[in-house]
Each structure stands twice: as structure tokens, then as C-alpha cells.
C-alpha atoms as a PDB file:
ATOM      1  CA  MET A   1      27.331  56.397  58.061  1.00  0.00           C
ATOM      2  CA  ASP A   2      26.262  58.867  55.514  1.00  0.00           C
ATOM      3  CA  GLN A   3      25.339  61.273  58.185  1.00  0.00           C
ATOM      4  CA  ARG A   4      28.651  60.823  59.861  1.00  0.00           C
ATOM      5  CA  ALA A   5      30.568  61.329  56.574  1.00  0.00           C
ATOM      6  CA  ALA A   6      28.532  64.471  55.895  1.00  0.00           C
ATOM      7  CA  TYR A   7      29.327  65.703  59.411  1.00  0.00           C
ATOM      8  CA  ILE A   8      33.074  65.056  58.902  1.00  0.00           C
ATOM      9  CA  LYS A   9      32.990  66.788  55.496  1.00  0.00           C
ATOM     10  CA  GLN A  10      31.201  69.767  57.047  1.00  0.00           C
ATOM     11  CA  ASN A  11      33.742  69.856  59.848  1.00  0.00           C
ATOM     12  CA  ILE A  12      36.649  69.688  57.333  1.00  0.00           C
ATOM     13  CA  MET A  13      35.117  72.566  55.322  1.00  0.00           C
ATOM     14  CA  GLU A  14      34.715  74.724  58.424  1.00  0.00           C
ATOM     15  CA  THR A  15      38.278  73.947  59.506  1.00  0.00           C
ATOM     16  CA  ARG A  16      39.558  74.882  56.029  1.00  0.00           C
ATOM     17  CA  GLU A  17      37.652  78.174  56.107  1.00  0.00           C
ATOM     18  CA  ALA A  18      38.939  78.954  59.605  1.00  0.00           C
ATOM     19  CA  MET A  19      42.485  78.082  58.556  1.00  0.00           C
ATOM     20  CA  SER A  20      42.177  80.269  55.440  1.00  0.00           C
ATOM     21  CA  GLU A  21      40.989  83.188  57.545  1.00  0.00           C
ATOM     22  CA  LYS A  22      43.816  82.674  60.034  1.00  0.00           C
ATOM     23  CA  ILE A  23      46.414  82.388  57.256  1.00  0.00           C
ATOM     24  CA  GLU A  24      45.039  85.582  55.701  1.00  0.00           C
ATOM     25  CA  MET A  25      45.237  87.337  59.090  1.00  0.00           C
ATOM     26  CA  ILE A  26      48.834  86.127  59.524  1.00  0.00           C
ATOM     27  CA  GLU A  27      49.705  87.383  56.006  1.00  0.00           C
ATOM     28  CA  ASN A  28      48.184  90.793  56.768  1.00  0.00           C
ATOM     29  CA  HIS A  29      50.022  90.924  60.093  1.00  0.00           C
ATOM     30  CA  ILE A  30      53.342  90.042  58.423  1.00  0.00           C
ATOM     31  CA  TYR A  31      52.712  92.545  55.657  1.00  0.00           C
ATOM     32  CA  LYS A  32      51.997  95.296  58.195  1.00  0.00           C
ATOM     33  CA  ALA A  33      54.997  94.256  60.287  1.00  0.00           C
ATOM     34  CA  MET A  34      57.240  94.439  57.197  1.00  0.00           C
ATOM     35  CA  GLU A  35      55.794  97.744  55.982  1.00  0.00           C
ATOM     36  CA  GLY A  36      57.128  99.765  58.963  1.00  0.00           C
ATOM     37  CA  PRO A  37      60.790  98.661  58.712  1.00  0.00           C
ATOM     38  CA  LYS A  38      60.636  98.881  54.914  1.00  0.00           C
ATOM     39  CA  SER A  39      59.428 102.464  55.163  1.00  0.00           C
ATOM     40  CA  ALA A  40      62.156 103.263  57.709  1.00  0.00           C
ATOM     41  CA  ILE A  41      64.830 101.692  55.504  1.00  0.00           C
ATOM     42  CA  ASP A  42      63.546 103.642  52.489  1.00  0.00           C
ATOM     43  CA  THR A  43      63.739 106.846  54.526  1.00  0.00           C
ATOM     44  CA  VAL A  44      67.282 106.052  55.684  1.00  0.00           C
ATOM     45  CA  LEU A  45      68.384 105.292  52.110  1.00  0.00           C
ATOM     46  CA  TRP A  46      66.812 108.524  50.878  1.00  0.00           C
ATOM     47  CA  ASN A  47      68.607 110.497  53.640  1.00  0.00           C
ATOM     48  CA  ILE A  48      71.924 108.823  52.814  1.00  0.00           C
ATOM     49  CA  ASP A  49      71.485 109.684  49.140  1.00  0.00           C
ATOM     50  CA  ARG A  50      70.652 113.286  50.040  1.00  0.00           C
ATOM     51  CA  PHE A  51      73.726 113.460  52.312  1.00  0.00           C
ATOM     52  CA  LYS A  52      75.953 112.112  49.514  1.00  0.00           C
ATOM     53  CA  ARG A  53      74.651 114.757  47.108  1.00  0.00           C
ATOM     54  CA  ALA A  54      75.202 117.528  49.674  1.00  0.00           C
ATOM     55  CA  LEU A  55      78.713 116.249  50.349  1.00  0.00           C
ATOM     56  CA  GLU A  56      79.527 116.223  46.620  1.00  0.00           C
ATOM     57  CA  GLU A  57      78.168 119.760  46.239  1.00  0.00           C
ATOM     58  CA  THR A  58      80.245 120.921  49.208  1.00  0.00           C
ATOM     59  CA  LYS A  59      83.360 119.288  47.777  1.00  0.00           C
ATOM     60  CA  SER A  60      82.716 120.930  44.425  1.00  0.00           C
ATOM     61  CA  ALA A  61      82.219 124.331  46.072  1.00  0.00           C
ATOM     62  CA  MET A  62      85.419 123.901  48.098  1.00  0.00           C
ATOM     63  CA  ASP A  63      87.381 122.920  44.978  1.00  0.00           C
ATOM     64  CA  HIS A  64      86.035 125.994  43.210  1.00  0.00           C
ATOM     65  CA  SER A  65      86.916 128.212  46.204  1.00  0.00           C
ATOM     66  CA  ILE A  66      90.430 126.779  46.432  1.00  0.00           C
ATOM     67  CA  ALA A  67      90.986 127.399  42.730  1.00  0.00           C
ATOM     68  CA  HIS A  68      89.708 130.952  43.144  1.00  0.00           C
ATOM     69  CA  ILE A  69      91.988 131.541  46.165  1.00  0.00           C
ATOM     70  CA  ASP A  70      94.990 130.109  44.301  1.00  0.00           C
ATOM     71  CA  GLN A  71      94.328 132.477  41.422  1.00  0.00           C
ATOM     72  CA  ALA A  72      94.008 135.454  43.783  1.00  0.00           C
ATOM     73  CA  VAL A  73      97.260 134.530  45.568  1.00  0.00           C
ATOM     74  CA  ASP A  74      99.067 134.208  42.240  1.00  0.00           C
ATOM     75  CA  GLU A  75      97.793 137.614  41.128  1.00  0.00           C
ATOM     76  CA  THR A  76      98.818 139.164  44.449  1.00  0.00           C
ATOM     77  CA  LEU A  77     102.303 137.662  44.213  1.00  0.00           C
ATOM     78  CA  VAL A  78     102.718 139.077  40.713  1.00  0.00           C
ATOM     79  CA  ARG A  79     101.637 142.525  41.947  1.00  0.00           C
ATOM     80  CA  VAL A  80     103.964 142.385  44.968  1.00  0.00           C
ATOM     81  CA  LYS A  81     106.898 141.277  42.822  1.00  0.00           C
ATOM     82  CA  SER A  82     106.306 144.071  40.333  1.00  0.00           C
ATOM     83  CA  THR A  83     105.956 146.645  43.131  1.00  0.00           C
ATOM     84  CA  ALA A  84     109.096 145.427  44.906  1.00  0.00           C
ATOM     85  CA  ASP A  85     111.131 145.501  41.705  1.00  0.00           C
ATOM     86  CA  LEU A  86     112.954 148.855  42.152  1.00  0.00           C
ATOM     87  CA  ILE A  87     114.549 148.875  38.706  1.00  0.00           C
ATOM     88  CA  GLY A  88     111.206 148.140  37.096  1.00  0.00           C
ATOM     89  CA  GLN A  89     109.600 150.973  39.083  1.00  0.00           C
ATOM     90  CA  VAL A  90     112.309 153.406  37.982  1.00  0.00           C
ATOM     91  CA  LYS A  91     111.814 152.376  34.356  1.00  0.00           C
ATOM     92  CA  GLN A  92     108.044 152.643  34.662  1.00  0.00           C
ATOM     93  CA  ASP A  93     107.835 155.951  36.601  1.00  0.00           C
ATOM     94  CA  PRO A  94     111.217 157.734  36.658  1.00  0.00           C
ATOM     95  CA  TRP A  95     109.791 161.083  37.761  1.00  0.00           C
ATOM     96  CA  ILE A  96     108.167 159.569  40.836  1.00  0.00           C
ATOM     97  CA  MET A  97     111.492 158.053  41.826  1.00  0.00           C
ATOM     98  CA  VAL A  98     113.359 161.341  41.250  1.00  0.00           C
ATOM     99  CA  GLY A  99     110.761 163.202  43.291  1.00  0.00           C
ATOM    100  CA  SER A 100     111.000 160.598  46.056  1.00  0.00           C
ATOM    101  CA  ALA A 101     114.798 160.945  46.149  1.00  0.00           C
ATOM    102  CA  ILE A 102     114.557 164.754  46.361  1.00  0.00           C
ATOM    103  CA  LEU A 103     111.936 164.507  49.101  1.00  0.00           C
ATOM    104  CA  MET A 104     114.072 162.055  51.099  1.00  0.00           C
ATOM    105  CA  GLY A 105     117.066 164.382  50.735  1.00  0.00           C
ATOM    106  CA  TYR A 106     115.007 167.296  51.981  1.00  0.00           C
ATOM    107  CA  VAL A 107     113.703 165.300  54.986  1.00  0.00           C
ATOM    108  CA  ILE A 108     117.177 164.113  55.951  1.00  0.00           C
ATOM    109  CA  GLY A 109     118.550 167.642  55.506  1.00  0.00           C
ATOM    110  CA  SER A 110     115.756 169.057  57.673  1.00  0.00           C
ATOM    111  CA  LEU A 111     116.501 166.566  60.414  1.00  0.00           C
ATOM    112  CA  ASN A 112     120.145 167.642  60.349  1.00  0.00           C
ATOM    113  CA  ARG A 113     118.994 171.318  60.175  1.00  0.00           C
ATOM    114  CA  GLY A 114     121.613 172.228  57.648  1.00  0.00           C
ATOM    115  CA  ASP A 115     124.522 171.744  60.066  1.00  0.00           C
ATOM    116  CA  LEU A 116     126.708 169.115  58.440  1.00  0.00           C
ATOM    117  CA  PHE A 117     129.192 169.097  61.317  1.00  0.00           C
ATOM    118  CA  ALA A 118     126.686 168.756  64.146  1.00  0.00           C
ATOM    119  CA  MET A 119     127.191 165.010  64.584  1.00  0.00           C
ATOM    120  CA  PRO A 120     131.021 165.047  64.779  1.00  0.00           C
ATOM    121  CA  GLN A 121     130.917 167.986  67.211  1.00  0.00           C
ATOM    122  CA  ALA A 122     128.391 166.151  69.391  1.00  0.00           C
ATOM    123  CA  ARG A 123     130.652 163.109  69.497  1.00  0.00           C
ATOM    124  CA  THR A 124     133.625 165.273  70.500  1.00  0.00           C
ATOM    125  CA  GLN A 125     131.609 166.886  73.282  1.00  0.00           C
ATOM    126  CA  VAL A 126     130.424 163.526  74.595  1.00  0.00           C
ATOM    127  CA  ARG A 127     133.941 162.081  74.581  1.00  0.00           C
ATOM    128  CA  GLY A 128     135.337 165.175  76.221  1.00  0.00           C
ATOM    129  CA  GLY A 129     132.758 165.006  78.982  1.00  0.00           C
ATOM    130  CA  CYS A 130     133.487 161.337  79.695  1.00  0.00           C
ATOM    131  CA  GLY A 131     137.262 161.607  79.505  1.00  0.00           C
ATOM    132  CA  LEU A 132     137.525 159.733  76.207  1.00  0.00           C
ATOM    133  CA  GLU A 133     139.324 162.411  74.156  1.00  0.00           C
ATOM    134  CA  SER A 134     142.080 160.233  72.732  1.00  0.00           C
ATOM    135  CA  PRO A 135     140.978 156.958  71.205  1.00  0.00           C
ATOM    136  CA  ALA A 136     144.522 155.539  71.584  1.00  0.00           C
ATOM    137  CA  SER A 137     144.483 155.558  75.384  1.00  0.00           C
ATOM    138  CA  PRO A 138     143.154 152.306  76.848  1.00  0.00           C
ATOM    139  CA  VAL A 139     140.464 152.562  79.484  1.00  0.00           C
ATOM    140  CA  PHE A 140     140.452 149.975  82.311  1.00  0.00           C
END
């Protein structure tokens, strides 16, 4: 029986060694199987973090641009208001306004060619040619 007990013990030892090797192989296989998805998840998390940072930087740049545009619009409105303010322009540059008035008078006078009565005479000629000499007579 001693021989049989020794044989059983030997068989148990071999089975334990085989089971240990198989368990170690299964652990390695599981570890390798987990390593791929873990690496992919780490990459996805890293990309998400990078995207969040880029989004925050873009938002910050847009906020800065909007503030800059608002400031430029405000400055432009102030300039337009001051330019459109005729009384303020006269107070600031009276000689430019006097010169502009003289120039406009000259241009209008040149268009009329110095004949102050040209327009009323033209109206009289047009009415006379159409038979509209007296404004009191009704035309049907």
C-alpha cells in the first residue's frame, strides 16, 4: 500500500503543478486581455481631456474676441456720434463749416448759372406750351 500511496501522492503533486501552470496561463491571458481595453480607455480619456482643454481655450479666445469687438463698436459709435453732431463740428472747426457753406453756395449758383429767374420762366414756358397758363381754370 505504500507504493500505492506514493503513486497517489506523486499524481496529486503533478496535478497541482499542472493546475498551477494552467492558472498562471489563465492569469496571463486575462491580464493581456484586460491590457488592450485598458489602454484604449486610457487613450479615450486622454483625448477627451485634450478636447475639453481645447474647448475651454476656444471659449476663452471667443470671449476675448467678443470683448474686443464690443470695445471697437463702442469706439466707432462715439466717433460717428461726434462726427454727426453738426453743432459740435461747428464749435470745433468753424472755418471748415464756413468754407463748406461758401463752397455749397458757389456750386448751387454755378448750377443755376447766375440766372435767378430761369426756373420761374421755364415753368411759364412749360405751362404755356401745354395750355396751363391760368391755374384757376379746371382741366378735365
